[in-house]
Amino acid sequence: MPDVTGPYPPGTPCWVDLMVPDQQAALDFYRDLFGWQGEPGPPETGGYAICAKDGKPVAGIMTAMNPDGSTPDPAPPSVWTTYLATDDLDATERAVTANGGKLMMHATDVLTLGRMAVAEDPTGAVFGLWQAKDFIGATVVNEPGSFIWNELNTNDTATASGFYATALGLKAAPMDGAPGYFSLTAGDRTIGGMQALGTLPAPPEGPSNWLTYFSVDDTDSTVDAVTRAGGSVIKPPFDMVAGRMAVVQDPQGGAFAVIDASATEGP
């Protein structure tokens, strides 16, 4: 579904955003890499930039700030965050905490756009929650320059499976043709994946995390562009069941995956 016109079903990744020390540098990098258009937003949203591809929202980029609006010192690590849709944020917050998760940022109204929160699952992976009002999230997905997959890399797949099933209604099941990999489904639709930390292609080190995959036309040339712009490679391009992919970091350390899903026959 490249174009999204209605609210995302609960539990579905609906938005991704990047928190970085230098917002303008990140806007320039992703403009050159993916063709995004974006600029710092108004003060009432903390300067949050909504990036668009061909005029359609695909991702957000924001400056890392303390709750009082000051610049943190030292700056926190740059990180991409996956937001899962909910139609009742208050109830989802209660379910998160009742099942061993933590709230890092309680429900907050974002003008008339929607309500958001940030949580941490029991294995330490951070994710966002979004209850849409005027803004549903990304309106184009699964096309080059937009996110195509969201993957939980966790130090405890059993605990994570139980948490996401009970708190968010996501069911985990072994994925055919991918040993050690689990699909995550919302209702009858696969919306992401899960695997243990240290399982290829996930980086072997670091805490549990949600990894964002962006669709590209050519994985190898995209990785070359990342390195030319000052980024780095975590996992060089390789072929796998869903396509040709790589895991990279932008110049400020934000990790993400890129995949050409047309490179091989998908599952």
Protein backbone atom coordinates (compact mmCIF):
# COMPACT_ATOMS: atom_id res chain seq x y z
CA MET A 1 0.00 0.00 0.00
CA PRO A 2 2.17 2.88 -1.18
CA ASP A 3 -0.47 5.58 -0.50
CA VAL A 4 -2.23 5.75 2.86
CA THR A 5 -5.47 7.70 2.97
CA GLY A 6 -7.07 6.63 6.25
CA PRO A 7 -6.04 5.98 9.85
CA TYR A 8 -3.61 3.13 10.44
CA PRO A 9 -5.00 0.06 12.23
CA PRO A 10 -3.92 -0.14 15.91
CA GLY A 11 -0.44 -1.58 16.36
CA THR A 12 0.71 -0.66 12.85
CA PRO A 13 3.87 1.43 12.41
CA CYS A 14 2.48 4.75 11.21
CA TRP A 15 5.39 7.17 11.52
CA VAL A 16 9.14 7.35 12.10
CA ASP A 17 11.23 10.25 13.27
CA LEU A 18 14.85 11.08 13.96
CA MET A 19 16.24 12.96 16.96
CA VAL A 20 19.66 14.54 16.28
CA PRO A 21 21.92 17.28 17.68
CA ASP A 22 22.02 19.14 14.34
CA GLN A 23 18.62 19.20 12.69
CA GLN A 24 19.64 21.18 9.62
CA ALA A 25 22.56 18.86 8.88
CA ALA A 26 20.19 15.89 9.06
CA LEU A 27 17.65 17.62 6.80
CA ASP A 28 20.39 18.22 4.24
CA PHE A 29 21.68 14.63 4.45
CA TYR A 30 18.30 12.96 3.96
CA ARG A 31 17.32 15.46 1.26
CA ASP A 32 20.35 14.39 -0.74
CA LEU A 33 19.93 10.69 0.08
CA PHE A 34 16.17 10.18 -0.34
CA GLY A 35 14.97 13.36 -2.03
CA TRP A 36 13.04 14.55 1.02
CA GLN A 37 11.77 18.10 1.32
CA GLY A 38 11.66 19.51 4.83
CA GLU A 39 12.50 22.51 6.96
CA PRO A 40 12.35 23.37 10.67
CA GLY A 41 8.79 23.82 11.88
CA PRO A 42 7.21 26.51 14.05
CA PRO A 43 8.26 27.20 17.66
CA GLU A 44 5.01 25.75 19.04
CA THR A 45 6.11 22.31 17.80
CA GLY A 46 9.71 22.74 18.96
CA GLY A 47 10.87 23.28 15.38
CA TYR A 48 9.86 19.72 14.45
CA ALA A 49 10.34 19.16 10.71
CA ILE A 50 7.92 17.00 8.74
CA CYS A 51 9.77 15.67 5.70
CA ALA A 52 7.89 14.94 2.50
CA LYS A 53 8.56 12.86 -0.59
CA ASP A 54 6.73 14.18 -3.65
CA GLY A 55 4.64 16.33 -1.32
CA LYS A 56 3.58 13.44 0.96
CA PRO A 57 4.75 13.15 4.61
CA VAL A 58 7.23 10.32 5.12
CA ALA A 59 9.23 11.06 8.31
CA GLY A 60 10.09 13.65 10.93
CA ILE A 61 13.40 15.16 12.05
CA MET A 62 13.84 17.06 15.31
CA THR A 63 16.58 18.63 17.37
CA ALA A 64 17.43 16.82 20.60
CA MET A 65 16.22 19.00 23.47
CA ASN A 66 15.66 18.79 27.22
CA PRO A 67 12.06 19.04 28.47
CA ASP A 68 12.65 22.73 29.26
CA GLY A 69 13.66 23.41 25.64
CA SER A 70 17.38 23.71 26.31
CA THR A 71 20.04 21.81 24.38
CA PRO A 72 21.22 18.73 26.29
CA ASP A 73 24.92 18.44 27.13
CA PRO A 74 26.21 15.98 26.27
CA ALA A 75 23.90 15.39 23.32
CA PRO A 76 22.02 12.05 23.43
CA PRO A 77 22.67 9.48 20.71
CA SER A 78 20.95 10.12 17.39
CA VAL A 79 18.10 7.66 17.01
CA TRP A 80 15.22 6.75 14.70
CA THR A 81 11.96 6.03 16.56
CA THR A 82 9.11 3.87 15.26
CA TYR A 83 5.58 5.00 16.21
CA LEU A 84 2.78 2.45 16.54
CA ALA A 85 -0.79 3.56 15.91
CA THR A 86 -3.41 3.47 18.62
CA ASP A 87 -7.02 4.58 18.65
CA ASP A 88 -7.01 5.07 22.45
CA LEU A 89 -3.70 6.35 23.76
CA ASP A 90 -4.77 6.47 27.39
CA ALA A 91 -5.82 2.81 27.34
CA THR A 92 -2.62 1.83 25.51
CA GLU A 93 -0.49 3.61 28.11
CA ARG A 94 -2.23 1.64 30.85
CA ALA A 95 -1.65 -1.60 28.94
CA VAL A 96 2.03 -0.77 28.45
CA THR A 97 2.69 -0.22 32.15
CA ALA A 98 0.49 -3.13 33.24
CA ASN A 99 2.58 -5.50 31.13
CA GLY A 100 6.05 -4.46 32.26
CA GLY A 101 6.73 -1.52 29.97
CA LYS A 102 7.69 2.01 30.99
CA LEU A 103 6.44 5.40 29.87
CA MET A 104 9.29 7.73 28.95
CA MET A 105 6.95 10.49 27.79
CA HIS A 106 3.31 10.52 28.83
CA ALA A 107 0.46 11.30 26.44
CA THR A 108 0.87 14.76 24.96
CA ASP A 109 -1.41 16.68 22.60
CA VAL A 110 0.36 17.89 19.45
CA LEU A 111 -1.82 20.84 18.44
CA THR A 112 -4.76 19.32 16.52
CA LEU A 113 -2.55 16.77 14.79
CA GLY A 114 -2.89 13.98 17.34
CA ARG A 115 -1.62 12.67 20.66
CA MET A 116 1.73 11.02 21.23
CA ALA A 117 3.66 9.14 23.90
CA VAL A 118 7.03 7.39 24.06
CA ALA A 119 7.45 4.06 25.82
CA GLU A 120 10.04 1.37 26.52
CA ASP A 121 9.19 -2.32 26.33
CA PRO A 122 10.34 -4.75 29.06
CA THR A 123 13.45 -5.65 27.03
CA GLY A 124 14.58 -2.02 26.70
CA ALA A 125 13.41 -1.18 23.16
CA VAL A 126 12.00 2.34 22.84
CA PHE A 127 8.99 3.06 20.60
CA GLY A 128 6.44 5.80 20.10
CA LEU A 129 2.65 5.73 20.19
CA TRP A 130 0.45 7.92 18.00
CA GLN A 131 -3.28 8.54 18.21
CA ALA A 132 -4.20 10.35 15.02
CA LYS A 133 -6.45 13.37 14.76
CA ASP A 134 -5.72 15.66 11.80
CA PHE A 135 -2.43 13.87 11.00
CA ILE A 136 -2.49 10.12 10.40
CA GLY A 137 1.28 9.73 9.94
CA ALA A 138 3.10 8.77 6.75
CA THR A 139 0.85 9.01 3.70
CA VAL A 140 3.26 7.13 1.45
CA VAL A 141 5.06 3.92 2.43
CA ASN A 142 6.77 0.97 0.72
CA GLU A 143 8.12 3.17 -2.08
CA PRO A 144 11.70 4.39 -2.58
CA GLY A 145 12.42 7.14 -0.09
CA SER A 146 9.78 5.99 2.44
CA PHE A 147 9.80 3.41 5.21
CA ILE A 148 8.96 -0.13 4.19
CA TRP A 149 9.62 -2.27 7.29
CA ASN A 150 10.05 -1.87 11.04
CA GLU A 151 11.96 -4.47 12.99
CA LEU A 152 12.31 -5.18 16.69
CA ASN A 153 15.77 -6.43 17.65
CA THR A 154 15.50 -7.65 21.21
CA ASN A 155 17.54 -9.40 23.89
CA ASP A 156 14.50 -11.53 24.86
CA THR A 157 12.12 -12.58 22.09
CA ALA A 158 9.82 -14.48 24.46
CA THR A 159 9.31 -11.51 26.78
CA ALA A 160 8.90 -9.14 23.84
CA SER A 161 6.36 -11.44 22.17
CA GLY A 162 4.22 -11.55 25.28
CA PHE A 163 4.41 -7.80 25.85
CA TYR A 164 3.46 -6.70 22.34
CA ALA A 165 0.68 -9.29 22.11
CA THR A 166 -0.95 -8.24 25.38
CA ALA A 167 -0.26 -4.50 25.34
CA LEU A 168 -0.61 -3.74 21.63
CA GLY A 169 -2.31 -6.73 20.04
CA LEU A 170 0.70 -7.70 17.91
CA LYS A 171 1.13 -11.43 17.36
CA ALA A 172 4.57 -12.94 16.76
CA ALA A 173 5.06 -16.08 14.67
CA PRO A 174 8.07 -17.73 12.98
CA MET A 175 8.50 -16.43 9.45
CA ASP A 176 8.72 -19.03 6.67
CA GLY A 177 12.10 -19.11 4.95
CA ALA A 178 13.82 -16.97 7.60
CA PRO A 179 15.14 -19.12 10.47
CA GLY A 180 15.17 -17.25 13.78
CA TYR A 181 13.00 -14.45 12.41
CA PHE A 182 9.44 -13.67 13.54
CA SER A 183 6.66 -11.81 11.80
CA LEU A 184 4.58 -9.33 13.78
CA THR A 185 0.94 -9.10 12.73
CA ALA A 186 -1.84 -6.67 13.59
CA GLY A 187 -5.12 -8.39 12.86
CA ASP A 188 -4.46 -10.41 9.72
CA ARG A 189 -1.74 -8.14 8.29
CA THR A 190 2.03 -8.48 8.78
CA ILE A 191 3.30 -5.09 9.92
CA GLY A 192 6.90 -5.79 10.95
CA GLY A 193 9.42 -8.29 12.19
CA MET A 194 11.33 -9.39 15.28
CA GLN A 195 14.58 -11.20 15.92
CA ALA A 196 17.11 -11.72 18.69
CA LEU A 197 19.97 -9.29 19.02
CA GLY A 198 23.06 -10.70 17.37
CA THR A 199 21.07 -12.37 14.58
CA LEU A 200 22.02 -11.15 11.11
CA PRO A 201 21.31 -8.59 9.81
CA ALA A 202 20.89 -6.84 13.14
CA PRO A 203 23.94 -5.15 14.67
CA PRO A 204 25.28 -7.59 17.28
CA GLU A 205 25.92 -4.95 19.92
CA GLY A 206 23.78 -2.39 21.69
CA PRO A 207 20.44 -2.45 23.54
CA SER A 208 17.14 -3.74 22.24
CA ASN A 209 15.81 -1.44 19.54
CA TRP A 210 13.36 -0.85 16.72
CA LEU A 211 15.14 -0.55 13.37
CA THR A 212 13.57 1.40 10.50
CA TYR A 213 14.00 0.11 6.93
CA PHE A 214 13.73 2.57 4.03
CA SER A 215 12.94 1.42 0.51
CA VAL A 216 15.53 2.28 -2.16
CA ASP A 217 15.97 1.58 -5.87
CA ASP A 218 19.61 0.46 -5.53
CA THR A 219 21.04 -0.62 -2.20
CA ASP A 220 24.69 -0.51 -3.25
CA SER A 221 24.54 3.00 -4.70
CA THR A 222 22.60 4.22 -1.66
CA VAL A 223 25.28 2.87 0.68
CA ASP A 224 27.95 4.56 -1.45
CA ALA A 225 26.02 7.84 -1.12
CA VAL A 226 25.82 7.42 2.66
CA THR A 227 29.58 6.99 2.99
CA ARG A 228 30.37 9.85 0.60
CA ALA A 229 28.21 12.12 2.77
CA GLY A 230 30.10 11.17 5.94
CA GLY A 231 27.95 8.28 7.15
CA SER A 232 29.16 4.76 7.93
CA VAL A 233 28.25 1.15 7.20
CA ILE A 234 27.16 -1.27 9.94
CA LYS A 235 26.23 -4.18 7.63
CA PRO A 236 27.40 -3.96 4.00
CA PRO A 237 24.92 -4.80 1.23
CA PHE A 238 23.85 -8.43 1.05
CA ASP A 239 21.04 -10.48 -0.45
CA MET A 240 18.35 -11.98 1.77
CA VAL A 241 14.86 -13.39 1.39
CA ALA A 242 13.12 -10.00 1.06
CA GLY A 243 15.67 -8.22 -1.15
CA ARG A 244 19.12 -6.65 -1.08
CA MET A 245 19.70 -4.69 2.12
CA ALA A 246 22.28 -2.96 4.27
CA VAL A 247 22.39 -1.29 7.69
CA VAL A 248 24.03 2.14 7.86
CA GLN A 249 24.46 5.20 10.07
CA ASP A 250 24.00 8.80 9.07
CA PRO A 251 26.84 11.26 9.85
CA GLN A 252 25.37 11.94 13.31
CA GLY A 253 25.08 8.25 14.19
CA GLY A 254 21.41 7.54 13.44
CA ALA A 255 21.16 3.87 12.40
CA PHE A 256 18.72 2.67 9.75
CA ALA A 257 18.41 -0.04 7.11
CA VAL A 258 17.94 0.33 3.37
CA ILE A 259 16.46 -2.35 1.15
CA ASP A 260 15.75 -2.85 -2.52
CA ALA A 261 12.80 -5.22 -2.22
CA SER A 262 12.79 -5.81 -5.97
CA ALA A 263 16.32 -7.24 -5.93
CA THR A 264 15.19 -10.75 -5.00
CA GLU A 265 11.87 -12.50 -4.72
CA GLY A 266 10.28 -11.60 -1.39
CA PRO A 267 8.46 -13.95 0.98
